[in-house]
Structure formats: C-alpha cells, structure tokens
Amino acid sequence: MNTRSTATGPLAGRVALVAGATRGAGRAMAVALGAAGATVYATGRTTRERRSEVGRPETIEETAELVTAAGGTGIAVPTDHLEPEQVRALVERIDRERGRLDVLVNDVWGGDHLLEFDTKVWEVDLAKGLRMLRLSLETHAITSHYALPLLIRRPGGLVVEITDGTEEFNATYRGNLFFDLAKYGPIRMARGLAEELKDHGGTAVSLTPGFLRSEEMLDHFGVTEETWRDAVAKDPHFAIAESPVFIGRAVAHLAADPDRGRWNGASLSSGELARAYGFTDADGSRPDCFAYFRDVVFGGKRASAADYR
C-alpha cells in the first residue's frame, strides 16, 4: 500500500501507531489523531473474526473505520504485542507503506479481568499476576524495541506511555502488588525513554486518563454515555468521570505541539494537558480527576466534583 493520505489538519502527513486501540482510551486516541489528519495504525487482538481473552465485542476494524470517518486514514493490523515477530512485522509494514513513524502510543493492557484487589502477594493467583505484568510491561518494551528505530529516523518523534494514575497518585499503593507494578512501570518507562530519545530530538511521556467512562466501565455501572450520571448514586466519585474523548484530545494536542519537548519524561494527566492546551471533554467540561482526588478524596477538602469540572 503506497497511497498517501490527503487529509488536512495539524497532523497531516504524520504517521501514528496506537498499540492497543481496540476500545476505550486507545480507540479515542486513535480517532483524535485521525481527526487531526494523521494516518493511524490501530492494533489489538480483537477483530471481527476473533476475540481476545478480554472477551469484549469492540474490534480494531471498527476503530480504523472511526479514524477514517474522523478525517484521517485508519489501518487495522491484528497484533499480539507479546509476540515479537508480530510486532516486528507490524513495524516493517509501517516502514514499507509509509516510510516513517511520528507517534507511538503504547496503550496495551487488557488485564482488568485478572485483578484481585486487596489480596496479599502470597495469596493472589500467581498466573494472573504475572500475566498482568506481561500485558502491561513486556508488551510496551517489545513494541518500543521494534518501533523506535523507525521513529527516530526523523527528529521530533513522540512516545506516549499510557497508564492508570499519575506518578503522584501512584505513590499510594494500588491494592494489588502486580497491578501496582503494572501501573507504575509505564511511568518509569517514559522516564527512561525520555533519556534515550533526547539525543534524537524525541519526546517520551507517560499519560493517564482520569476516572474513564470506557465501554467496560459503563457496562459495569449499567449505564450508557448518555445516562452515565445515573451511576453517581452507586459511586459518588464517578461524578468526576471523563469520556475517552478527553484523553484522545490530550494526545492529539500533545502530538501537534512543536514545543512538546518541554514535557519530556513527565508524568501527565488528561486534566493537566487540558489546562495547558485549553481543550475540553465532549460535553464542554474540563474534569481534573487527580486534583479532585488529591484535594477532596484524600485531602478532606469540602468541595464537590462539580468544582473540578
């Protein structure tokens, strides 16, 4: 495939790989990059022919179609990022078809079904714990190993390590040793990659959404994106929740910022980048989940979630 995109926008002509773009934040980031004009390779294990162990119905083909509908070029490539040869083939395909890679988003996870909260390390199911580490850390390392030689071919490349929680937030133990390591690891990965990329004019950051209204979370509460506020009765803190659109816009603004190098090595959140770049969530609000948790939930401040939107 040698067809070049005719898209317009701040990322026109740029090529992005969103590893783990099947649903949730990954899908939203892929779509937002496409809306800004990028060609986006969307990878994951769930296709229209086969579901991953996560067992959800969303597919990478749907994500690619949404990217194209948003104004970019979406390309779905089934990939298990725990399989080095599959990742090598993916990057070789991007090089062959586009000859460049400008943005790498490491969003592979798919481990929520393995969680056993408030379970000691000697009591947890070891196979589940180790699987979480492989899904969250090994996948990211494999993908960076193969993708970064293409990304550094031109100065200005961006790597975004997606996690759950900022460095400050994750200073508090997350209730399961393997989950704790899985969610702090990408923060440390971004710090290391920042050092390795700086001599090549590249930038690496870690980025987290806040309380994300993913498809899985909406299903958990028995609500939809239109009725999500009904879930606040079950969990009052859900009032600070944000749609996946918010982190999608965060990545798109970061990728389009010619001065993004100022963030190199930083642990960032969607709310923090919204303040810096001035974008909002789909409903026009600007939720700052981690400020809310810092001040209200952990700090005891008398305020409501509305004060942080």
C-alpha atoms as a PDB file:
ATOM      1  CA  MET A   1       0.000   0.000   0.000  1.00  0.00           C
ATOM      2  CA  ASN A   2       1.676   3.214  -1.153  1.00  0.00           C
ATOM      3  CA  THR A   3      -1.346   5.501  -1.144  1.00  0.00           C
ATOM      4  CA  ARG A   4      -0.622   8.751   0.663  1.00  0.00           C
ATOM      5  CA  SER A   5      -3.183  10.494   2.799  1.00  0.00           C
ATOM      6  CA  THR A   6      -4.786  13.694   1.511  1.00  0.00           C
ATOM      7  CA  ALA A   7      -6.043  14.612   4.980  1.00  0.00           C
ATOM      8  CA  THR A   8      -5.689  18.111   6.351  1.00  0.00           C
ATOM      9  CA  GLY A   9      -5.067  19.209   9.909  1.00  0.00           C
ATOM     10  CA  PRO A  10      -2.114  19.798  12.227  1.00  0.00           C
ATOM     11  CA  LEU A  11      -1.003  16.165  11.917  1.00  0.00           C
ATOM     12  CA  ALA A  12      -1.499  15.778   8.163  1.00  0.00           C
ATOM     13  CA  GLY A  13       1.318  13.685   6.749  1.00  0.00           C
ATOM     14  CA  ARG A  14       2.185  12.232  10.160  1.00  0.00           C
ATOM     15  CA  VAL A  15       2.024   8.532  10.946  1.00  0.00           C
ATOM     16  CA  ALA A  16       0.965   7.145  14.305  1.00  0.00           C
ATOM     17  CA  LEU A  17       0.875   3.684  15.818  1.00  0.00           C
ATOM     18  CA  VAL A  18      -1.638   3.211  18.606  1.00  0.00           C
ATOM     19  CA  ALA A  19      -0.793  -0.132  20.158  1.00  0.00           C
ATOM     20  CA  GLY A  20      -3.912  -1.298  21.942  1.00  0.00           C
ATOM     21  CA  ALA A  21      -6.538   0.688  20.044  1.00  0.00           C
ATOM     22  CA  THR A  22      -9.466  -1.697  20.257  1.00  0.00           C
ATOM     23  CA  ARG A  23     -11.608   0.257  22.689  1.00  0.00           C
ATOM     24  CA  GLY A  24     -11.647   2.864  25.460  1.00  0.00           C
ATOM     25  CA  ALA A  25      -8.748   5.294  25.630  1.00  0.00           C
ATOM     26  CA  GLY A  26      -6.862   3.554  22.832  1.00  0.00           C
ATOM     27  CA  ARG A  27      -9.719   3.913  20.380  1.00  0.00           C
ATOM     28  CA  ALA A  28     -10.317   7.529  21.372  1.00  0.00           C
ATOM     29  CA  MET A  29      -6.648   8.442  20.945  1.00  0.00           C
ATOM     30  CA  ALA A  30      -6.541   6.803  17.527  1.00  0.00           C
ATOM     31  CA  VAL A  31      -9.671   8.690  16.429  1.00  0.00           C
ATOM     32  CA  ALA A  32      -8.404  12.030  17.751  1.00  0.00           C
ATOM     33  CA  LEU A  33      -5.080  11.604  15.949  1.00  0.00           C
ATOM     34  CA  GLY A  34      -7.044  10.806  12.798  1.00  0.00           C
ATOM     35  CA  ALA A  35      -9.245  13.868  13.268  1.00  0.00           C
ATOM     36  CA  ALA A  36      -6.041  15.926  13.332  1.00  0.00           C
ATOM     37  CA  GLY A  37      -5.103  14.431   9.946  1.00  0.00           C
ATOM     38  CA  ALA A  38      -2.780  11.566  10.892  1.00  0.00           C
ATOM     39  CA  THR A  39      -2.538   8.128   9.359  1.00  0.00           C
ATOM     40  CA  VAL A  40      -3.130   5.776  12.270  1.00  0.00           C
ATOM     41  CA  TYR A  41      -2.207   2.112  12.533  1.00  0.00           C
ATOM     42  CA  ALA A  42      -4.603   0.651  15.094  1.00  0.00           C
ATOM     43  CA  THR A  43      -3.553  -2.631  16.646  1.00  0.00           C
ATOM     44  CA  GLY A  44      -5.076  -5.108  19.048  1.00  0.00           C
ATOM     45  CA  ARG A  45      -6.129  -8.721  19.381  1.00  0.00           C
ATOM     46  CA  THR A  46      -9.888  -8.456  18.909  1.00  0.00           C
ATOM     47  CA  THR A  47     -11.056  -8.463  15.307  1.00  0.00           C
ATOM     48  CA  ARG A  48     -14.351  -9.229  13.612  1.00  0.00           C
ATOM     49  CA  GLU A  49     -13.174 -12.836  13.335  1.00  0.00           C
ATOM     50  CA  ARG A  50     -11.633 -13.379  16.771  1.00  0.00           C
ATOM     51  CA  ARG A  51     -11.948 -12.061  20.317  1.00  0.00           C
ATOM     52  CA  SER A  52      -9.119 -11.741  22.801  1.00  0.00           C
ATOM     53  CA  GLU A  53      -9.175 -13.062  26.359  1.00  0.00           C
ATOM     54  CA  VAL A  54     -10.845  -9.792  27.396  1.00  0.00           C
ATOM     55  CA  GLY A  55     -13.997 -11.041  25.716  1.00  0.00           C
ATOM     56  CA  ARG A  56     -15.455  -7.712  24.656  1.00  0.00           C
ATOM     57  CA  PRO A  57     -17.073  -7.049  21.251  1.00  0.00           C
ATOM     58  CA  GLU A  58     -15.205  -3.912  20.143  1.00  0.00           C
ATOM     59  CA  THR A  59     -12.798  -4.521  17.244  1.00  0.00           C
ATOM     60  CA  ILE A  60      -9.773  -2.844  15.709  1.00  0.00           C
ATOM     61  CA  GLU A  61     -11.557  -2.712  12.343  1.00  0.00           C
ATOM     62  CA  GLU A  62     -14.231  -0.510  13.937  1.00  0.00           C
ATOM     63  CA  THR A  63     -11.510   1.722  15.350  1.00  0.00           C
ATOM     64  CA  ALA A  64      -9.839   2.089  11.941  1.00  0.00           C
ATOM     65  CA  GLU A  65     -13.183   2.978  10.350  1.00  0.00           C
ATOM     66  CA  LEU A  66     -13.781   5.637  13.002  1.00  0.00           C
ATOM     67  CA  VAL A  67     -10.322   7.095  12.360  1.00  0.00           C
ATOM     68  CA  THR A  68     -11.076   7.395   8.647  1.00  0.00           C
ATOM     69  CA  ALA A  69     -14.521   8.839   9.309  1.00  0.00           C
ATOM     70  CA  ALA A  70     -12.901  11.470  11.542  1.00  0.00           C
ATOM     71  CA  GLY A  71     -10.748  12.665   8.643  1.00  0.00           C
ATOM     72  CA  GLY A  72      -7.579  10.590   8.918  1.00  0.00           C
ATOM     73  CA  THR A  73      -6.551   7.256   7.470  1.00  0.00           C
ATOM     74  CA  GLY A  74      -7.224   4.279   9.733  1.00  0.00           C
ATOM     75  CA  ILE A  75      -5.450   0.974   9.191  1.00  0.00           C
ATOM     76  CA  ALA A  76      -6.278  -2.021  11.388  1.00  0.00           C
ATOM     77  CA  VAL A  77      -3.484  -4.540  11.939  1.00  0.00           C
ATOM     78  CA  PRO A  78      -4.239  -7.538  14.185  1.00  0.00           C
ATOM     79  CA  THR A  79      -1.260  -7.784  16.525  1.00  0.00           C
ATOM     80  CA  ASP A  80      -0.452  -9.574  19.759  1.00  0.00           C
ATOM     81  CA  HIS A  81       2.210  -7.310  21.256  1.00  0.00           C
ATOM     82  CA  LEU A  82       3.544 -10.174  23.364  1.00  0.00           C
ATOM     83  CA  GLU A  83       4.701 -11.835  20.151  1.00  0.00           C
ATOM     84  CA  PRO A  84       7.945 -10.176  18.992  1.00  0.00           C
ATOM     85  CA  GLU A  85       7.689 -11.441  15.427  1.00  0.00           C
ATOM     86  CA  GLN A  86       4.199  -9.981  15.050  1.00  0.00           C
ATOM     87  CA  VAL A  87       5.432  -6.604  16.289  1.00  0.00           C
ATOM     88  CA  ARG A  88       8.475  -6.764  14.023  1.00  0.00           C
ATOM     89  CA  ALA A  89       6.193  -7.478  11.037  1.00  0.00           C
ATOM     90  CA  LEU A  90       3.895  -4.611  12.030  1.00  0.00           C
ATOM     91  CA  VAL A  91       6.730  -2.082  12.105  1.00  0.00           C
ATOM     92  CA  GLU A  92       8.174  -3.418   8.840  1.00  0.00           C
ATOM     93  CA  ARG A  93       4.752  -2.905   7.270  1.00  0.00           C
ATOM     94  CA  ILE A  94       4.555   0.692   8.517  1.00  0.00           C
ATOM     95  CA  ASP A  95       8.031   1.340   7.131  1.00  0.00           C
ATOM     96  CA  ARG A  96       7.180  -0.276   3.816  1.00  0.00           C
ATOM     97  CA  GLU A  97       3.866   1.557   3.399  1.00  0.00           C
ATOM     98  CA  ARG A  98       4.670   4.949   4.939  1.00  0.00           C
ATOM     99  CA  GLY A  99       8.424   5.135   5.483  1.00  0.00           C
ATOM    100  CA  ARG A 100       8.079   6.946   8.783  1.00  0.00           C
ATOM    101  CA  LEU A 101       6.633   6.827  12.281  1.00  0.00           C
ATOM    102  CA  ASP A 102       5.970  10.055  14.156  1.00  0.00           C
ATOM    103  CA  VAL A 103       3.871   8.980  17.146  1.00  0.00           C
ATOM    104  CA  LEU A 104       3.907   5.774  19.152  1.00  0.00           C
ATOM    105  CA  VAL A 105       1.181   5.306  21.751  1.00  0.00           C
ATOM    106  CA  ASN A 106       1.848   2.312  23.994  1.00  0.00           C
ATOM    107  CA  ASP A 107      -1.643   1.596  25.317  1.00  0.00           C
ATOM    108  CA  VAL A 108      -1.612  -2.208  25.522  1.00  0.00           C
ATOM    109  CA  TRP A 109      -3.249  -3.514  28.710  1.00  0.00           C
ATOM    110  CA  GLY A 110      -6.291  -5.799  28.753  1.00  0.00           C
ATOM    111  CA  GLY A 111      -5.662  -7.013  32.304  1.00  0.00           C
ATOM    112  CA  ASP A 112      -8.655  -5.762  34.270  1.00  0.00           C
ATOM    113  CA  HIS A 113     -10.245  -9.218  34.290  1.00  0.00           C
ATOM    114  CA  LEU A 114      -7.177 -10.528  36.151  1.00  0.00           C
ATOM    115  CA  LEU A 115      -7.444  -8.170  39.109  1.00  0.00           C
ATOM    116  CA  GLU A 116      -7.808  -9.382  42.682  1.00  0.00           C
ATOM    117  CA  PHE A 117      -7.844  -6.268  44.819  1.00  0.00           C
ATOM    118  CA  ASP A 118      -6.878  -6.299  48.488  1.00  0.00           C
ATOM    119  CA  THR A 119      -5.222  -9.700  48.126  1.00  0.00           C
ATOM    120  CA  LYS A 120      -1.719 -10.265  49.506  1.00  0.00           C
ATOM    121  CA  VAL A 121       1.029 -11.245  47.089  1.00  0.00           C
ATOM    122  CA  TRP A 122       1.276 -14.682  48.698  1.00  0.00           C
ATOM    123  CA  GLU A 123      -2.465 -15.213  48.307  1.00  0.00           C
ATOM    124  CA  VAL A 124      -3.010 -13.838  44.807  1.00  0.00           C
ATOM    125  CA  ASP A 125      -3.290 -16.130  41.799  1.00  0.00           C
ATOM    126  CA  LEU A 126       0.336 -16.016  40.615  1.00  0.00           C
ATOM    127  CA  ALA A 127      -0.503 -16.783  36.998  1.00  0.00           C
ATOM    128  CA  LYS A 128      -2.901 -13.822  36.900  1.00  0.00           C
ATOM    129  CA  GLY A 129      -0.360 -11.514  38.494  1.00  0.00           C
ATOM    130  CA  LEU A 130       2.411 -12.449  36.103  1.00  0.00           C
ATOM    131  CA  ARG A 131       0.042 -12.123  33.164  1.00  0.00           C
ATOM    132  CA  MET A 132      -0.724  -8.548  34.227  1.00  0.00           C
ATOM    133  CA  LEU A 133       2.979  -7.721  34.224  1.00  0.00           C
ATOM    134  CA  ARG A 134       3.447  -9.246  30.790  1.00  0.00           C
ATOM    135  CA  LEU A 135       0.454  -7.368  29.366  1.00  0.00           C
ATOM    136  CA  SER A 136       1.431  -4.005  30.807  1.00  0.00           C
ATOM    137  CA  LEU A 137       5.228  -4.013  30.727  1.00  0.00           C
ATOM    138  CA  GLU A 138       6.529  -6.675  28.362  1.00  0.00           C
ATOM    139  CA  THR A 139       4.196  -5.582  25.564  1.00  0.00           C
ATOM    140  CA  HIS A 140       5.340  -1.979  25.871  1.00  0.00           C
ATOM    141  CA  ALA A 141       9.016  -2.940  25.914  1.00  0.00           C
ATOM    142  CA  ILE A 142       8.682  -5.187  22.862  1.00  0.00           C
ATOM    143  CA  THR A 143       6.818  -2.516  20.929  1.00  0.00           C
ATOM    144  CA  SER A 144       9.352   0.190  21.768  1.00  0.00           C
ATOM    145  CA  HIS A 145      12.228  -2.105  20.833  1.00  0.00           C
ATOM    146  CA  TYR A 146      10.934  -2.596  17.308  1.00  0.00           C
ATOM    147  CA  ALA A 147       9.200   0.733  16.680  1.00  0.00           C
ATOM    148  CA  LEU A 148      11.719   3.259  17.945  1.00  0.00           C
ATOM    149  CA  PRO A 149      14.361   2.747  15.209  1.00  0.00           C
ATOM    150  CA  LEU A 150      11.702   3.892  12.732  1.00  0.00           C
ATOM    151  CA  LEU A 151      10.504   6.715  14.976  1.00  0.00           C
ATOM    152  CA  ILE A 152      13.989   8.217  15.473  1.00  0.00           C
ATOM    153  CA  ARG A 153      14.655   8.276  11.738  1.00  0.00           C
ATOM    154  CA  ARG A 154      13.302  11.840  11.889  1.00  0.00           C
ATOM    155  CA  PRO A 155      13.688  14.228  14.825  1.00  0.00           C
ATOM    156  CA  GLY A 156      10.544  15.183  16.694  1.00  0.00           C
ATOM    157  CA  GLY A 157       9.094  11.736  17.388  1.00  0.00           C
ATOM    158  CA  LEU A 158       6.707  11.272  20.291  1.00  0.00           C
ATOM    159  CA  VAL A 159       6.215   8.234  22.540  1.00  0.00           C
ATOM    160  CA  VAL A 160       3.233   8.166  24.905  1.00  0.00           C
ATOM    161  CA  GLU A 161       3.183   5.522  27.619  1.00  0.00           C
ATOM    162  CA  ILE A 162      -0.417   5.110  28.770  1.00  0.00           C
ATOM    163  CA  THR A 163      -1.045   4.064  32.355  1.00  0.00           C
ATOM    164  CA  ASP A 164      -3.567   4.421  35.177  1.00  0.00           C
ATOM    165  CA  GLY A 165      -2.626   7.151  37.628  1.00  0.00           C
ATOM    166  CA  THR A 166      -0.038   9.898  37.736  1.00  0.00           C
ATOM    167  CA  GLU A 167       3.299   9.446  39.461  1.00  0.00           C
ATOM    168  CA  GLU A 168       1.923  11.400  42.439  1.00  0.00           C
ATOM    169  CA  PHE A 169      -1.281   9.354  42.592  1.00  0.00           C
ATOM    170  CA  ASN A 170       0.563   6.053  42.262  1.00  0.00           C
ATOM    171  CA  ALA A 171       2.735   6.863  45.242  1.00  0.00           C
ATOM    172  CA  THR A 172      -0.236   5.390  47.123  1.00  0.00           C
ATOM    173  CA  TYR A 173      -0.314   1.575  46.987  1.00  0.00           C
ATOM    174  CA  ARG A 174      -2.887   0.351  44.456  1.00  0.00           C
ATOM    175  CA  GLY A 175      -4.142  -2.644  46.447  1.00  0.00           C
ATOM    176  CA  ASN A 176      -2.523  -5.460  44.446  1.00  0.00           C
ATOM    177  CA  LEU A 177       1.245  -5.772  44.069  1.00  0.00           C
ATOM    178  CA  PHE A 178       1.135  -6.858  40.435  1.00  0.00           C
ATOM    179  CA  PHE A 179      -1.350  -4.139  39.487  1.00  0.00           C
ATOM    180  CA  ASP A 180       0.742  -1.600  41.391  1.00  0.00           C
ATOM    181  CA  LEU A 181       3.835  -2.575  39.399  1.00  0.00           C
ATOM    182  CA  ALA A 182       1.855  -2.714  36.153  1.00  0.00           C
ATOM    183  CA  LYS A 183       0.646   0.847  36.547  1.00  0.00           C
ATOM    184  CA  TYR A 184       3.845   2.398  37.855  1.00  0.00           C
ATOM    185  CA  GLY A 185       6.026   0.666  35.274  1.00  0.00           C
ATOM    186  CA  PRO A 186       4.966   2.787  32.265  1.00  0.00           C
ATOM    187  CA  ILE A 187       5.794   5.936  34.232  1.00  0.00           C
ATOM    188  CA  ARG A 188       9.329   4.692  34.739  1.00  0.00           C
ATOM    189  CA  MET A 189       9.467   3.512  31.111  1.00  0.00           C
ATOM    190  CA  ALA A 190       8.642   7.015  29.921  1.00  0.00           C
ATOM    191  CA  ARG A 191      11.394   8.440  32.125  1.00  0.00           C
ATOM    192  CA  GLY A 192      13.938   6.040  30.647  1.00  0.00           C
ATOM    193  CA  LEU A 193      12.771   6.506  27.065  1.00  0.00           C
ATOM    194  CA  ALA A 194      12.997  10.263  27.544  1.00  0.00           C
ATOM    195  CA  GLU A 195      16.705   9.856  28.241  1.00  0.00           C
ATOM    196  CA  GLU A 196      17.213   7.564  25.253  1.00  0.00           C
ATOM    197  CA  LEU A 197      15.274   9.760  22.815  1.00  0.00           C
ATOM    198  CA  LYS A 198      16.574  13.202  23.735  1.00  0.00           C
ATOM    199  CA  ASP A 199      19.693  12.904  21.584  1.00  0.00           C
ATOM    200  CA  HIS A 200      17.415  12.104  18.629  1.00  0.00           C
ATOM    201  CA  GLY A 201      15.091  15.074  19.158  1.00  0.00           C
ATOM    202  CA  GLY A 202      12.344  12.818  20.524  1.00  0.00           C
ATOM    203  CA  THR A 203       9.964  13.132  23.445  1.00  0.00           C
ATOM    204  CA  ALA A 204       8.566  10.465  25.754  1.00  0.00           C
ATOM    205  CA  VAL A 205       5.880  10.981  28.388  1.00  0.00           C
ATOM    206  CA  SER A 206       3.541   8.887  30.467  1.00  0.00           C
ATOM    207  CA  LEU A 207      -0.120   9.843  30.322  1.00  0.00           C
ATOM    208  CA  THR A 208      -3.160   8.776  32.279  1.00  0.00           C
ATOM    209  CA  PRO A 209      -6.859   9.426  31.894  1.00  0.00           C
ATOM    210  CA  GLY A 210      -8.876  10.208  34.979  1.00  0.00           C
ATOM    211  CA  PHE A 211     -11.930   8.166  36.001  1.00  0.00           C
ATOM    212  CA  LEU A 212     -12.564   6.887  32.493  1.00  0.00           C
ATOM    213  CA  ARG A 213     -16.033   6.224  31.116  1.00  0.00           C
ATOM    214  CA  SER A 214     -14.834   3.361  28.952  1.00  0.00           C
ATOM    215  CA  GLU A 215     -17.252   0.889  27.419  1.00  0.00           C
ATOM    216  CA  GLU A 216     -16.339  -1.615  30.119  1.00  0.00           C
ATOM    217  CA  MET A 217     -16.863   0.883  32.943  1.00  0.00           C
ATOM    218  CA  LEU A 218     -20.228   1.990  31.575  1.00  0.00           C
ATOM    219  CA  ASP A 219     -21.301  -1.639  31.363  1.00  0.00           C
ATOM    220  CA  HIS A 220     -20.080  -2.211  34.921  1.00  0.00           C
ATOM    221  CA  PHE A 221     -22.425   0.503  36.176  1.00  0.00           C
ATOM    222  CA  GLY A 222     -25.257  -0.453  33.810  1.00  0.00           C
ATOM    223  CA  VAL A 223     -25.331   2.972  32.138  1.00  0.00           C
ATOM    224  CA  THR A 224     -24.544   4.480  28.746  1.00  0.00           C
ATOM    225  CA  GLU A 225     -22.575   7.556  27.768  1.00  0.00           C
ATOM    226  CA  GLU A 226     -25.895   9.429  27.667  1.00  0.00           C
ATOM    227  CA  THR A 227     -27.026   8.250  31.131  1.00  0.00           C
ATOM    228  CA  TRP A 228     -23.657   7.997  32.880  1.00  0.00           C
ATOM    229  CA  ARG A 229     -24.628  10.380  35.669  1.00  0.00           C
ATOM    230  CA  ASP A 230     -27.098   7.761  36.939  1.00  0.00           C
ATOM    231  CA  ALA A 231     -24.053   5.810  38.180  1.00  0.00           C
ATOM    232  CA  VAL A 232     -23.128   8.570  40.629  1.00  0.00           C
ATOM    233  CA  ALA A 233     -25.720   7.126  43.009  1.00  0.00           C
ATOM    234  CA  LYS A 234     -23.631   3.940  43.161  1.00  0.00           C
ATOM    235  CA  ASP A 235     -20.252   5.674  43.318  1.00  0.00           C
ATOM    236  CA  PRO A 236     -20.265   9.403  44.185  1.00  0.00           C
ATOM    237  CA  HIS A 237     -16.728   9.810  42.815  1.00  0.00           C
ATOM    238  CA  PHE A 238     -17.989   8.844  39.354  1.00  0.00           C
ATOM    239  CA  ALA A 239     -19.192  12.440  39.174  1.00  0.00           C
ATOM    240  CA  ILE A 240     -15.655  13.396  38.119  1.00  0.00           C
ATOM    241  CA  ALA A 241     -15.626  10.821  35.304  1.00  0.00           C
ATOM    242  CA  GLU A 242     -14.455  11.776  31.835  1.00  0.00           C
ATOM    243  CA  SER A 243     -15.215  10.354  28.420  1.00  0.00           C
ATOM    244  CA  PRO A 244     -12.463   8.723  26.334  1.00  0.00           C
ATOM    245  CA  VAL A 245     -12.672  11.760  24.039  1.00  0.00           C
ATOM    246  CA  PHE A 246     -10.790  13.746  26.691  1.00  0.00           C
ATOM    247  CA  ILE A 247      -7.585  11.701  26.625  1.00  0.00           C
ATOM    248  CA  GLY A 248      -7.886  11.429  22.855  1.00  0.00           C
ATOM    249  CA  ARG A 249      -7.749  15.194  22.587  1.00  0.00           C
ATOM    250  CA  ALA A 250      -4.870  15.270  25.065  1.00  0.00           C
ATOM    251  CA  VAL A 251      -2.727  13.067  22.824  1.00  0.00           C
ATOM    252  CA  ALA A 252      -3.674  14.937  19.655  1.00  0.00           C
ATOM    253  CA  HIS A 253      -2.765  18.310  21.169  1.00  0.00           C
ATOM    254  CA  LEU A 254       0.485  16.934  22.541  1.00  0.00           C
ATOM    255  CA  ALA A 255       1.440  15.446  19.164  1.00  0.00           C
ATOM    256  CA  ALA A 256       0.670  18.723  17.380  1.00  0.00           C
ATOM    257  CA  ASP A 257       2.657  20.880  19.832  1.00  0.00           C
ATOM    258  CA  PRO A 258       6.019  21.889  18.324  1.00  0.00           C
ATOM    259  CA  ASP A 259       7.243  22.619  21.859  1.00  0.00           C
ATOM    260  CA  ARG A 260       6.194  19.256  23.336  1.00  0.00           C
ATOM    261  CA  GLY A 261       9.799  18.551  24.290  1.00  0.00           C
ATOM    262  CA  ARG A 262       9.196  20.601  27.433  1.00  0.00           C
ATOM    263  CA  TRP A 263       7.205  17.617  28.740  1.00  0.00           C
ATOM    264  CA  ASN A 264       9.988  15.093  28.115  1.00  0.00           C
ATOM    265  CA  GLY A 265       9.981  12.413  30.831  1.00  0.00           C
ATOM    266  CA  ALA A 266       6.949  13.877  32.598  1.00  0.00           C
ATOM    267  CA  SER A 267       4.010  12.044  34.150  1.00  0.00           C
ATOM    268  CA  LEU A 268       0.920  13.771  32.771  1.00  0.00           C
ATOM    269  CA  SER A 269      -2.853  13.502  33.030  1.00  0.00           C
ATOM    270  CA  SER A 270      -5.626  14.402  30.622  1.00  0.00           C
ATOM    271  CA  GLY A 271      -6.808  17.086  33.056  1.00  0.00           C
ATOM    272  CA  GLU A 272      -3.354  18.657  33.269  1.00  0.00           C
ATOM    273  CA  LEU A 273      -2.965  18.800  29.490  1.00  0.00           C
ATOM    274  CA  ALA A 274      -6.469  20.248  29.161  1.00  0.00           C
ATOM    275  CA  ARG A 275      -5.393  23.186  31.321  1.00  0.00           C
ATOM    276  CA  ALA A 276      -2.209  23.621  29.302  1.00  0.00           C
ATOM    277  CA  TYR A 277      -3.783  23.379  25.836  1.00  0.00           C
ATOM    278  CA  GLY A 278      -7.304  24.661  26.516  1.00  0.00           C
ATOM    279  CA  PHE A 279      -9.333  21.733  25.176  1.00  0.00           C
ATOM    280  CA  THR A 280     -12.414  20.243  26.838  1.00  0.00           C
ATOM    281  CA  ASP A 281     -14.193  16.925  27.115  1.00  0.00           C
ATOM    282  CA  ALA A 282     -17.009  16.099  24.708  1.00  0.00           C
ATOM    283  CA  ASP A 283     -19.555  17.826  26.955  1.00  0.00           C
ATOM    284  CA  GLY A 284     -17.562  21.058  27.175  1.00  0.00           C
ATOM    285  CA  SER A 285     -16.344  20.441  30.735  1.00  0.00           C
ATOM    286  CA  ARG A 286     -12.719  20.156  31.825  1.00  0.00           C
ATOM    287  CA  PRO A 287     -12.598  17.491  34.574  1.00  0.00           C
ATOM    288  CA  ASP A 288      -9.446  17.319  36.683  1.00  0.00           C
ATOM    289  CA  CYS A 289      -9.783  13.927  38.311  1.00  0.00           C
ATOM    290  CA  PHE A 290      -6.434  13.828  40.057  1.00  0.00           C
ATOM    291  CA  ALA A 291      -6.780  17.291  41.589  1.00  0.00           C
ATOM    292  CA  TYR A 292     -10.203  16.188  42.864  1.00  0.00           C
ATOM    293  CA  PHE A 293      -8.803  13.013  44.421  1.00  0.00           C
ATOM    294  CA  ARG A 294      -5.821  14.872  45.879  1.00  0.00           C
ATOM    295  CA  ASP A 295      -7.859  17.651  47.452  1.00  0.00           C
ATOM    296  CA  VAL A 296     -11.236  16.117  48.218  1.00  0.00           C
ATOM    297  CA  VAL A 297     -10.944  12.337  48.465  1.00  0.00           C
ATOM    298  CA  PHE A 298      -7.520  12.162  50.127  1.00  0.00           C
ATOM    299  CA  GLY A 299      -7.167  15.731  51.397  1.00  0.00           C
ATOM    300  CA  GLY A 300     -10.560  16.162  53.044  1.00  0.00           C
ATOM    301  CA  LYS A 301     -11.387  19.445  51.319  1.00  0.00           C
ATOM    302  CA  ARG A 302     -15.060  20.366  51.388  1.00  0.00           C
ATOM    303  CA  ALA A 303     -15.852  20.537  47.684  1.00  0.00           C
ATOM    304  CA  SER A 304     -17.769  18.644  45.032  1.00  0.00           C
ATOM    305  CA  ALA A 305     -16.764  17.083  41.758  1.00  0.00           C
ATOM    306  CA  ALA A 306     -18.522  19.956  40.011  1.00  0.00           C
ATOM    307  CA  ASP A 307     -15.865  22.282  41.410  1.00  0.00           C
ATOM    308  CA  TYR A 308     -13.262  20.272  39.463  1.00  0.00           C
ATOM    309  CA  ARG A 309     -15.042  20.222  36.113  1.00  0.00           C
END
